Amino acid sequence: MDSELDLNKGTVLGKYVDIHPTAEIGEGTKIYSWVYVGANAVIGKRCNLTNWVQVDRECKLGDDCNIQPGVILNMGMRIGNRVWFSGGVIFSDERFPSVGEQIRNPTVIGDDVIFGIGALIRGGIKIGDHAVIGMGSLVLEDVPAGAVVAGNPARYLYDRATYDRKKRDYERKRVSETE
């Protein structure tokens, strides 16, 4: 599918896009090249799916989410609103991988969550509202609401209010250095 979506109000802006006919794409959503959206997936309004993104079947994505290149969202994930996925974020859908029968454990992500580049998240993890996952982190445990975690394995650093203050201070300093 390389043109306007007929059944939804999202827009395909790239080539080589595979959207299953049962998927729902919200109004104002933009989909770029090399994107796969599986059966019964639901993508909210005003989302941005950049190149090389996979949204597996039965995944539910809220409104105003941004997914950068190389992100794979696994089967059955539940994702809130205003979630930012930096490039290369990967989710497992198994808590304990095995050769035999696989037990799927979908990940649940709250609203207003930020994922740094290359974060890896084990299946079945719950990530609370306003959490921040640092780049390259290996998340093996649930992340409480408002927590900033980073490392391998990821550990608590500070709360979201501290993160937002540090970010504002950094941006102010950067702007003043360029003036």
N, C-alpha and C. Protein backbone atom coordinates (compact mmCIF):
# COMPACT_ATOMS: atom_id res chain seq x y z
N MET A 1 0.86 -1.16 0.00
CA MET A 1 0.00 0.00 0.00
C MET A 1 0.90 1.23 0.00
N ASP A 2 0.83 2.04 -1.05
CA ASP A 2 1.74 3.16 -1.19
C ASP A 2 1.03 4.51 -1.35
N SER A 3 -0.22 4.60 -0.93
CA SER A 3 -0.95 5.85 -1.08
C SER A 3 -1.86 6.07 0.12
N GLU A 4 -2.78 7.00 -0.02
CA GLU A 4 -3.73 7.28 1.06
C GLU A 4 -4.43 6.01 1.51
N LEU A 5 -4.67 5.88 2.81
CA LEU A 5 -5.45 4.77 3.32
C LEU A 5 -6.92 5.02 3.00
N ASP A 6 -7.61 4.02 2.53
CA ASP A 6 -9.02 4.19 2.17
C ASP A 6 -9.95 4.10 3.37
N LEU A 7 -9.70 3.15 4.27
CA LEU A 7 -10.64 2.87 5.35
C LEU A 7 -10.38 3.72 6.59
N ASN A 8 -9.25 4.37 6.66
CA ASN A 8 -8.88 5.14 7.84
C ASN A 8 -8.49 6.54 7.41
N LYS A 9 -8.15 7.37 8.36
CA LYS A 9 -7.79 8.74 8.02
C LYS A 9 -6.31 9.02 8.20
N GLY A 10 -5.50 7.96 8.32
CA GLY A 10 -4.06 8.12 8.38
C GLY A 10 -3.51 8.29 6.97
N THR A 11 -2.25 8.67 6.87
CA THR A 11 -1.62 8.90 5.58
C THR A 11 -0.35 8.08 5.46
N VAL A 12 -0.21 7.36 4.35
CA VAL A 12 1.02 6.64 4.05
C VAL A 12 1.87 7.56 3.19
N LEU A 13 3.06 7.92 3.69
CA LEU A 13 3.93 8.85 2.98
C LEU A 13 5.11 8.15 2.31
N GLY A 14 5.29 6.86 2.59
CA GLY A 14 6.43 6.15 2.04
C GLY A 14 6.03 4.97 1.19
N LYS A 15 7.03 4.16 0.84
CA LYS A 15 6.81 2.98 0.01
C LYS A 15 7.03 1.72 0.83
N TYR A 16 6.59 0.62 0.27
CA TYR A 16 6.79 -0.70 0.88
C TYR A 16 6.18 -0.78 2.27
N VAL A 17 4.94 -0.38 2.37
CA VAL A 17 4.20 -0.39 3.62
C VAL A 17 3.21 -1.55 3.57
N ASP A 18 3.18 -2.36 4.63
CA ASP A 18 2.28 -3.51 4.70
C ASP A 18 1.36 -3.32 5.90
N ILE A 19 0.11 -2.93 5.62
CA ILE A 19 -0.88 -2.72 6.67
C ILE A 19 -1.97 -3.75 6.49
N HIS A 20 -2.15 -4.59 7.50
CA HIS A 20 -3.18 -5.63 7.42
C HIS A 20 -4.56 -4.97 7.31
N PRO A 21 -5.46 -5.57 6.52
CA PRO A 21 -6.79 -4.96 6.33
C PRO A 21 -7.60 -4.80 7.62
N THR A 22 -7.31 -5.59 8.66
CA THR A 22 -8.07 -5.47 9.91
C THR A 22 -7.46 -4.44 10.87
N ALA A 23 -6.32 -3.87 10.51
CA ALA A 23 -5.69 -2.86 11.37
C ALA A 23 -6.48 -1.56 11.30
N GLU A 24 -6.45 -0.80 12.39
CA GLU A 24 -7.10 0.50 12.44
C GLU A 24 -6.03 1.57 12.63
N ILE A 25 -6.08 2.57 11.76
CA ILE A 25 -5.11 3.66 11.81
C ILE A 25 -5.87 4.95 12.10
N GLY A 26 -5.48 5.66 13.15
CA GLY A 26 -6.18 6.87 13.57
C GLY A 26 -5.97 8.05 12.65
N GLU A 27 -6.90 8.98 12.73
CA GLU A 27 -6.85 10.20 11.94
C GLU A 27 -5.58 10.99 12.24
N GLY A 28 -4.96 11.49 11.18
CA GLY A 28 -3.76 12.31 11.33
C GLY A 28 -2.48 11.54 11.53
N THR A 29 -2.53 10.21 11.55
CA THR A 29 -1.33 9.39 11.72
C THR A 29 -0.56 9.36 10.40
N LYS A 30 0.77 9.46 10.49
CA LYS A 30 1.64 9.42 9.31
C LYS A 30 2.49 8.16 9.37
N ILE A 31 2.55 7.46 8.24
CA ILE A 31 3.30 6.21 8.15
C ILE A 31 4.29 6.34 6.99
N TYR A 32 5.57 6.09 7.29
CA TYR A 32 6.61 6.24 6.30
C TYR A 32 7.01 4.89 5.71
N SER A 33 8.16 4.76 5.09
CA SER A 33 8.56 3.56 4.34
C SER A 33 8.95 2.38 5.22
N TRP A 34 8.75 1.19 4.67
CA TRP A 34 9.14 -0.06 5.29
C TRP A 34 8.49 -0.26 6.65
N VAL A 35 7.20 -0.03 6.73
CA VAL A 35 6.45 -0.19 7.97
C VAL A 35 5.50 -1.37 7.82
N TYR A 36 5.44 -2.19 8.88
CA TYR A 36 4.50 -3.31 8.93
C TYR A 36 3.55 -3.08 10.09
N VAL A 37 2.24 -3.20 9.82
CA VAL A 37 1.21 -3.12 10.86
C VAL A 37 0.38 -4.39 10.74
N GLY A 38 0.36 -5.21 11.80
CA GLY A 38 -0.27 -6.52 11.78
C GLY A 38 -1.77 -6.51 11.99
N ALA A 39 -2.33 -7.71 11.92
CA ALA A 39 -3.77 -7.92 12.06
C ALA A 39 -4.29 -7.40 13.40
N ASN A 40 -5.42 -6.73 13.35
CA ASN A 40 -6.12 -6.23 14.52
C ASN A 40 -5.30 -5.24 15.36
N ALA A 41 -4.24 -4.71 14.80
CA ALA A 41 -3.49 -3.66 15.49
C ALA A 41 -4.31 -2.37 15.44
N VAL A 42 -4.18 -1.56 16.48
CA VAL A 42 -4.88 -0.28 16.54
C VAL A 42 -3.84 0.80 16.81
N ILE A 43 -3.77 1.77 15.92
CA ILE A 43 -2.84 2.88 16.08
C ILE A 43 -3.67 4.14 16.25
N GLY A 44 -3.39 4.88 17.30
CA GLY A 44 -4.19 6.05 17.65
C GLY A 44 -4.05 7.21 16.68
N LYS A 45 -4.62 8.33 17.06
CA LYS A 45 -4.61 9.55 16.25
C LYS A 45 -3.27 10.27 16.35
N ARG A 46 -2.90 10.93 15.26
CA ARG A 46 -1.73 11.82 15.19
C ARG A 46 -0.42 11.14 15.58
N CYS A 47 -0.30 9.85 15.31
CA CYS A 47 0.96 9.15 15.58
C CYS A 47 1.90 9.31 14.39
N ASN A 48 3.16 9.06 14.62
CA ASN A 48 4.18 9.17 13.58
C ASN A 48 4.99 7.87 13.59
N LEU A 49 4.86 7.06 12.53
CA LEU A 49 5.61 5.81 12.40
C LEU A 49 6.65 6.03 11.31
N THR A 50 7.91 6.24 11.71
CA THR A 50 8.95 6.51 10.73
C THR A 50 9.37 5.20 10.05
N ASN A 51 10.46 5.23 9.33
CA ASN A 51 10.92 4.07 8.54
C ASN A 51 11.30 2.88 9.41
N TRP A 52 11.13 1.69 8.85
CA TRP A 52 11.57 0.44 9.47
C TRP A 52 10.94 0.20 10.84
N VAL A 53 9.63 0.33 10.93
CA VAL A 53 8.90 0.12 12.17
C VAL A 53 7.98 -1.08 12.00
N GLN A 54 7.88 -1.89 13.05
CA GLN A 54 6.96 -3.03 13.05
C GLN A 54 6.01 -2.90 14.23
N VAL A 55 4.70 -2.95 13.93
CA VAL A 55 3.66 -2.97 14.95
C VAL A 55 2.94 -4.30 14.75
N ASP A 56 3.22 -5.26 15.62
CA ASP A 56 2.71 -6.61 15.44
C ASP A 56 1.21 -6.69 15.71
N ARG A 57 0.65 -7.83 15.42
CA ARG A 57 -0.81 -8.02 15.53
C ARG A 57 -1.30 -7.79 16.96
N GLU A 58 -2.51 -7.26 17.03
CA GLU A 58 -3.22 -7.03 18.28
C GLU A 58 -2.53 -6.03 19.22
N CYS A 59 -1.58 -5.30 18.70
CA CYS A 59 -0.91 -4.24 19.47
C CYS A 59 -1.83 -3.03 19.47
N LYS A 60 -1.94 -2.35 20.60
CA LYS A 60 -2.79 -1.16 20.71
C LYS A 60 -1.92 0.02 21.13
N LEU A 61 -1.89 1.03 20.28
CA LEU A 61 -1.05 2.20 20.46
C LEU A 61 -1.96 3.42 20.64
N GLY A 62 -1.73 4.21 21.69
CA GLY A 62 -2.54 5.39 21.96
C GLY A 62 -2.31 6.52 20.98
N ASP A 63 -2.81 7.69 21.31
CA ASP A 63 -2.70 8.89 20.46
C ASP A 63 -1.36 9.59 20.68
N ASP A 64 -0.93 10.33 19.65
CA ASP A 64 0.23 11.23 19.71
C ASP A 64 1.54 10.52 20.05
N CYS A 65 1.70 9.28 19.59
CA CYS A 65 2.94 8.54 19.82
C CYS A 65 3.90 8.75 18.65
N ASN A 66 5.18 8.70 18.94
CA ASN A 66 6.21 8.87 17.92
C ASN A 66 7.14 7.66 17.96
N ILE A 67 7.26 6.97 16.84
CA ILE A 67 8.08 5.77 16.77
C ILE A 67 9.19 5.98 15.75
N GLN A 68 10.42 6.02 16.21
CA GLN A 68 11.59 6.25 15.37
C GLN A 68 12.05 4.94 14.71
N PRO A 69 12.99 5.01 13.75
CA PRO A 69 13.38 3.82 12.98
C PRO A 69 13.89 2.66 13.83
N GLY A 70 13.55 1.45 13.36
CA GLY A 70 14.07 0.23 13.95
C GLY A 70 13.36 -0.25 15.19
N VAL A 71 12.19 0.30 15.50
CA VAL A 71 11.44 -0.10 16.69
C VAL A 71 10.51 -1.26 16.33
N ILE A 72 10.47 -2.27 17.19
CA ILE A 72 9.60 -3.43 17.01
C ILE A 72 8.66 -3.50 18.21
N LEU A 73 7.36 -3.35 17.95
CA LEU A 73 6.35 -3.47 19.00
C LEU A 73 5.69 -4.83 18.83
N ASN A 74 5.75 -5.67 19.85
CA ASN A 74 5.32 -7.05 19.74
C ASN A 74 3.83 -7.26 19.95
N MET A 75 3.43 -8.47 19.63
CA MET A 75 2.03 -8.88 19.68
C MET A 75 1.40 -8.56 21.03
N GLY A 76 0.24 -7.92 20.97
CA GLY A 76 -0.57 -7.70 22.15
C GLY A 76 -0.13 -6.59 23.08
N MET A 77 0.90 -5.83 22.74
CA MET A 77 1.33 -4.74 23.61
C MET A 77 0.22 -3.71 23.77
N ARG A 78 0.19 -3.07 24.93
CA ARG A 78 -0.75 -1.98 25.22
C ARG A 78 0.07 -0.75 25.54
N ILE A 79 -0.11 0.29 24.74
CA ILE A 79 0.73 1.47 24.84
C ILE A 79 -0.17 2.70 25.01
N GLY A 80 0.15 3.54 25.97
CA GLY A 80 -0.65 4.73 26.26
C GLY A 80 -0.46 5.84 25.25
N ASN A 81 -0.84 7.03 25.63
CA ASN A 81 -0.75 8.22 24.79
C ASN A 81 0.58 8.94 25.00
N ARG A 82 1.02 9.66 23.97
CA ARG A 82 2.23 10.50 24.03
C ARG A 82 3.48 9.72 24.43
N VAL A 83 3.67 8.56 23.84
CA VAL A 83 4.86 7.75 24.13
C VAL A 83 5.87 7.98 23.01
N TRP A 84 7.12 8.22 23.40
CA TRP A 84 8.22 8.47 22.44
C TRP A 84 9.14 7.27 22.45
N PHE A 85 9.29 6.64 21.29
CA PHE A 85 10.21 5.52 21.11
C PHE A 85 11.38 6.00 20.27
N SER A 86 12.56 6.17 20.86
CA SER A 86 13.75 6.51 20.09
C SER A 86 14.14 5.29 19.26
N GLY A 87 15.04 5.48 18.31
CA GLY A 87 15.43 4.42 17.39
C GLY A 87 15.97 3.17 18.07
N GLY A 88 15.64 2.02 17.48
CA GLY A 88 16.21 0.75 17.91
C GLY A 88 15.69 0.18 19.21
N VAL A 89 14.58 0.68 19.73
CA VAL A 89 14.01 0.12 20.95
C VAL A 89 13.37 -1.22 20.60
N ILE A 90 13.71 -2.26 21.38
CA ILE A 90 13.21 -3.61 21.08
C ILE A 90 12.56 -4.20 22.32
N PHE A 91 11.42 -4.82 22.10
CA PHE A 91 10.66 -5.48 23.16
C PHE A 91 10.65 -6.98 22.90
N SER A 92 10.81 -7.75 23.95
CA SER A 92 10.61 -9.19 23.87
C SER A 92 9.16 -9.45 24.23
N ASP A 93 8.56 -10.49 23.68
CA ASP A 93 7.20 -10.80 24.09
C ASP A 93 7.16 -12.06 24.94
N GLU A 94 8.34 -12.53 25.34
CA GLU A 94 8.41 -13.70 26.20
C GLU A 94 9.20 -13.33 27.45
N ARG A 95 8.70 -13.70 28.59
CA ARG A 95 9.41 -13.44 29.84
C ARG A 95 10.52 -14.48 30.03
N PHE A 96 10.23 -15.74 29.64
CA PHE A 96 11.21 -16.82 29.74
C PHE A 96 11.22 -17.58 28.42
N PRO A 97 12.06 -17.16 27.45
CA PRO A 97 12.09 -17.83 26.15
C PRO A 97 12.41 -19.32 26.29
N SER A 98 11.79 -20.13 25.42
CA SER A 98 12.05 -21.57 25.43
C SER A 98 11.90 -22.12 24.02
N VAL A 99 12.41 -23.34 23.84
CA VAL A 99 12.31 -24.00 22.55
C VAL A 99 10.91 -24.55 22.34
N GLY A 100 10.26 -24.99 23.41
CA GLY A 100 8.92 -25.57 23.33
C GLY A 100 7.84 -24.51 23.20
N GLU A 101 6.73 -24.73 23.85
CA GLU A 101 5.61 -23.80 23.81
C GLU A 101 6.02 -22.45 24.37
N GLN A 102 5.68 -21.41 23.64
CA GLN A 102 6.04 -20.07 24.07
C GLN A 102 4.86 -19.43 24.79
N ILE A 103 5.12 -18.86 25.93
CA ILE A 103 4.10 -18.16 26.69
C ILE A 103 4.31 -16.67 26.46
N ARG A 104 3.39 -16.04 25.79
CA ARG A 104 3.49 -14.62 25.45
C ARG A 104 3.11 -13.76 26.66
N ASN A 105 3.89 -12.76 26.91
CA ASN A 105 3.62 -11.81 27.98
C ASN A 105 3.70 -10.40 27.41
N PRO A 106 2.57 -9.84 27.02
CA PRO A 106 2.60 -8.50 26.44
C PRO A 106 3.07 -7.45 27.45
N THR A 107 3.77 -6.48 26.95
CA THR A 107 4.24 -5.35 27.75
C THR A 107 3.13 -4.30 27.79
N VAL A 108 3.00 -3.61 28.92
CA VAL A 108 2.01 -2.55 29.08
C VAL A 108 2.77 -1.26 29.42
N ILE A 109 2.50 -0.22 28.64
CA ILE A 109 3.20 1.06 28.80
C ILE A 109 2.16 2.15 29.06
N GLY A 110 2.40 2.97 30.07
CA GLY A 110 1.49 4.05 30.42
C GLY A 110 1.62 5.24 29.49
N ASP A 111 1.04 6.37 29.90
CA ASP A 111 1.06 7.61 29.13
C ASP A 111 2.36 8.39 29.37
N ASP A 112 2.76 9.17 28.35
CA ASP A 112 3.86 10.14 28.48
C ASP A 112 5.16 9.47 28.91
N VAL A 113 5.51 8.36 28.24
CA VAL A 113 6.73 7.61 28.54
C VAL A 113 7.75 7.88 27.44
N ILE A 114 9.04 7.97 27.81
CA ILE A 114 10.12 8.20 26.86
C ILE A 114 11.07 7.00 26.90
N PHE A 115 11.40 6.47 25.72
CA PHE A 115 12.37 5.39 25.59
C PHE A 115 13.60 5.91 24.86
N GLY A 116 14.78 5.78 25.48
CA GLY A 116 16.02 6.19 24.85
C GLY A 116 16.46 5.19 23.78
N ILE A 117 17.36 5.61 22.93
CA ILE A 117 17.86 4.80 21.82
C ILE A 117 18.36 3.45 22.32
N GLY A 118 17.95 2.39 21.63
CA GLY A 118 18.49 1.05 21.86
C GLY A 118 18.09 0.38 23.15
N ALA A 119 17.06 0.86 23.82
CA ALA A 119 16.61 0.18 25.04
C ALA A 119 16.04 -1.19 24.70
N LEU A 120 16.26 -2.15 25.59
CA LEU A 120 15.73 -3.50 25.43
C LEU A 120 14.83 -3.81 26.61
N ILE A 121 13.61 -4.27 26.33
CA ILE A 121 12.64 -4.47 27.38
C ILE A 121 12.14 -5.92 27.35
N ARG A 122 12.26 -6.61 28.47
CA ARG A 122 11.81 -8.00 28.58
C ARG A 122 10.29 -8.08 28.54
N GLY A 123 9.75 -9.17 28.03
CA GLY A 123 8.31 -9.37 27.92
C GLY A 123 7.61 -9.32 29.27
N GLY A 124 6.39 -8.85 29.26
CA GLY A 124 5.56 -8.83 30.45
C GLY A 124 5.84 -7.68 31.40
N ILE A 125 6.69 -6.75 31.01
CA ILE A 125 7.03 -5.60 31.87
C ILE A 125 5.91 -4.58 31.83
N LYS A 126 5.67 -3.94 32.96
CA LYS A 126 4.72 -2.83 33.04
C LYS A 126 5.52 -1.56 33.33
N ILE A 127 5.29 -0.55 32.49
CA ILE A 127 6.00 0.71 32.63
C ILE A 127 4.96 1.79 32.91
N GLY A 128 5.09 2.44 34.08
CA GLY A 128 4.09 3.41 34.53
C GLY A 128 4.13 4.73 33.78
N ASP A 129 3.08 5.52 33.96
CA ASP A 129 2.97 6.85 33.35
C ASP A 129 4.20 7.70 33.70
N HIS A 130 4.63 8.51 32.74
CA HIS A 130 5.68 9.52 32.93
C HIS A 130 7.07 8.93 33.20
N ALA A 131 7.26 7.64 32.95
CA ALA A 131 8.58 7.03 33.16
C ALA A 131 9.52 7.40 32.01
N VAL A 132 10.82 7.31 32.27
CA VAL A 132 11.85 7.53 31.26
C VAL A 132 12.80 6.34 31.33
N ILE A 133 13.06 5.73 30.17
CA ILE A 133 13.98 4.60 30.06
C ILE A 133 15.22 5.11 29.33
N GLY A 134 16.38 5.08 29.99
CA GLY A 134 17.61 5.60 29.41
C GLY A 134 18.09 4.80 28.21
N MET A 135 18.88 5.44 27.34
CA MET A 135 19.36 4.77 26.14
C MET A 135 20.23 3.57 26.50
N GLY A 136 20.06 2.51 25.72
CA GLY A 136 20.84 1.30 25.92
C GLY A 136 20.49 0.50 27.16
N SER A 137 19.43 0.85 27.83
CA SER A 137 19.07 0.16 29.07
C SER A 137 18.48 -1.22 28.80
N LEU A 138 18.70 -2.12 29.73
CA LEU A 138 18.10 -3.46 29.71
C LEU A 138 17.10 -3.50 30.84
N VAL A 139 15.80 -3.45 30.49
CA VAL A 139 14.73 -3.38 31.49
C VAL A 139 14.22 -4.79 31.76
N LEU A 140 14.45 -5.26 32.99
CA LEU A 140 14.08 -6.62 33.38
C LEU A 140 12.96 -6.64 34.41
N GLU A 141 12.64 -5.50 34.98
CA GLU A 141 11.63 -5.40 36.04
C GLU A 141 10.64 -4.29 35.68
N ASP A 142 9.47 -4.32 36.29
CA ASP A 142 8.49 -3.25 36.11
C ASP A 142 9.11 -1.91 36.49
N VAL A 143 8.66 -0.85 35.82
CA VAL A 143 9.14 0.51 36.09
C VAL A 143 7.98 1.31 36.64
N PRO A 144 8.10 1.83 37.88
CA PRO A 144 6.99 2.57 38.46
C PRO A 144 6.74 3.90 37.75
N ALA A 145 5.55 4.42 37.92
CA ALA A 145 5.18 5.71 37.34
C ALA A 145 6.16 6.78 37.82
N GLY A 146 6.57 7.64 36.88
CA GLY A 146 7.43 8.77 37.21
C GLY A 146 8.88 8.45 37.46
N ALA A 147 9.30 7.19 37.26
CA ALA A 147 10.69 6.80 37.51
C ALA A 147 11.55 7.01 36.27
N VAL A 148 12.79 7.41 36.49
CA VAL A 148 13.79 7.45 35.43
C VAL A 148 14.77 6.32 35.73
N VAL A 149 14.90 5.38 34.78
CA VAL A 149 15.78 4.23 34.96
C VAL A 149 16.78 4.16 33.82
N ALA A 150 17.96 3.59 34.11
CA ALA A 150 18.98 3.42 33.08
C ALA A 150 19.96 2.35 33.53
N GLY A 151 20.69 1.79 32.58
CA GLY A 151 21.74 0.84 32.88
C GLY A 151 21.42 -0.58 32.44
N ASN A 152 22.38 -1.47 32.74
CA ASN A 152 22.25 -2.89 32.40
C ASN A 152 22.64 -3.71 33.62
N PRO A 153 21.65 -4.19 34.37
CA PRO A 153 20.22 -3.98 34.19
C PRO A 153 19.81 -2.58 34.62
N ALA A 154 18.65 -2.15 34.12
CA ALA A 154 18.17 -0.80 34.43
C ALA A 154 17.90 -0.67 35.93
N ARG A 155 18.29 0.48 36.47
CA ARG A 155 18.04 0.75 37.88
C ARG A 155 17.53 2.19 38.02
N TYR A 156 16.85 2.44 39.12
CA TYR A 156 16.26 3.75 39.38
C TYR A 156 17.35 4.80 39.55
N LEU A 157 17.20 5.94 38.86
CA LEU A 157 18.14 7.06 39.01
C LEU A 157 17.51 8.21 39.80
N TYR A 158 16.36 8.66 39.35
CA TYR A 158 15.64 9.75 40.02
C TYR A 158 14.24 9.83 39.44
N ASP A 159 13.45 10.83 39.86
CA ASP A 159 12.07 10.94 39.39
C ASP A 159 11.98 11.82 38.15
N ARG A 160 10.80 11.80 37.51
CA ARG A 160 10.58 12.53 36.26
C ARG A 160 10.71 14.03 36.45
N ALA A 161 10.30 14.55 37.59
CA ALA A 161 10.42 15.99 37.83
C ALA A 161 11.90 16.41 37.79
N THR A 162 12.78 15.61 38.37
CA THR A 162 14.22 15.89 38.34
C THR A 162 14.74 15.81 36.90
N TYR A 163 14.29 14.81 36.16
CA TYR A 163 14.67 14.66 34.75
C TYR A 163 14.27 15.91 33.96
N ASP A 164 13.02 16.33 34.12
CA ASP A 164 12.53 17.50 33.38
C ASP A 164 13.33 18.76 33.75
N ARG A 165 13.67 18.92 35.05
CA ARG A 165 14.47 20.07 35.48
C ARG A 165 15.86 20.02 34.86
N LYS A 166 16.51 18.84 34.88
CA LYS A 166 17.84 18.70 34.29
C LYS A 166 17.81 18.99 32.79
N LYS A 167 16.76 18.54 32.12
CA LYS A 167 16.63 18.78 30.69
C LYS A 167 16.49 20.28 30.41
N ARG A 168 15.62 20.96 31.18
CA ARG A 168 15.45 22.41 31.00
C ARG A 168 16.76 23.15 31.25
N ASP A 169 17.49 22.79 32.31
CA ASP A 169 18.77 23.44 32.62
C ASP A 169 19.77 23.24 31.48
N TYR A 170 19.83 22.03 30.95
CA TYR A 170 20.73 21.72 29.84
C TYR A 170 20.38 22.57 28.61
N GLU A 171 19.09 22.63 28.30
CA GLU A 171 18.66 23.40 27.12
C GLU A 171 18.95 24.88 27.28
N ARG A 172 18.74 25.44 28.48
CA ARG A 172 19.06 26.84 28.74
C ARG A 172 20.54 27.11 28.55
N LYS A 173 21.36 26.24 29.11
CA LYS A 173 22.80 26.38 29.00
C LYS A 173 23.26 26.30 27.54
N ARG A 174 22.70 25.38 26.80
CA ARG A 174 23.06 25.21 25.40
C ARG A 174 22.68 26.44 24.59
N VAL A 175 21.50 26.99 24.82
CA VAL A 175 21.05 28.17 24.10
C VAL A 175 21.92 29.37 24.45
N SER A 176 22.26 29.54 25.73
CA SER A 176 23.08 30.70 26.13
C SER A 176 24.50 30.60 25.56
N GLU A 177 25.01 29.40 25.34
CA GLU A 177 26.34 29.22 24.76
C GLU A 177 26.37 29.56 23.28
N THR A 178 25.24 29.46 22.60
CA THR A 178 25.19 29.74 21.18
C THR A 178 24.89 31.21 20.87
N GLU A 179 24.49 31.98 21.88
CA GLU A 179 24.15 33.39 21.66
C GLU A 179 25.36 34.26 21.68
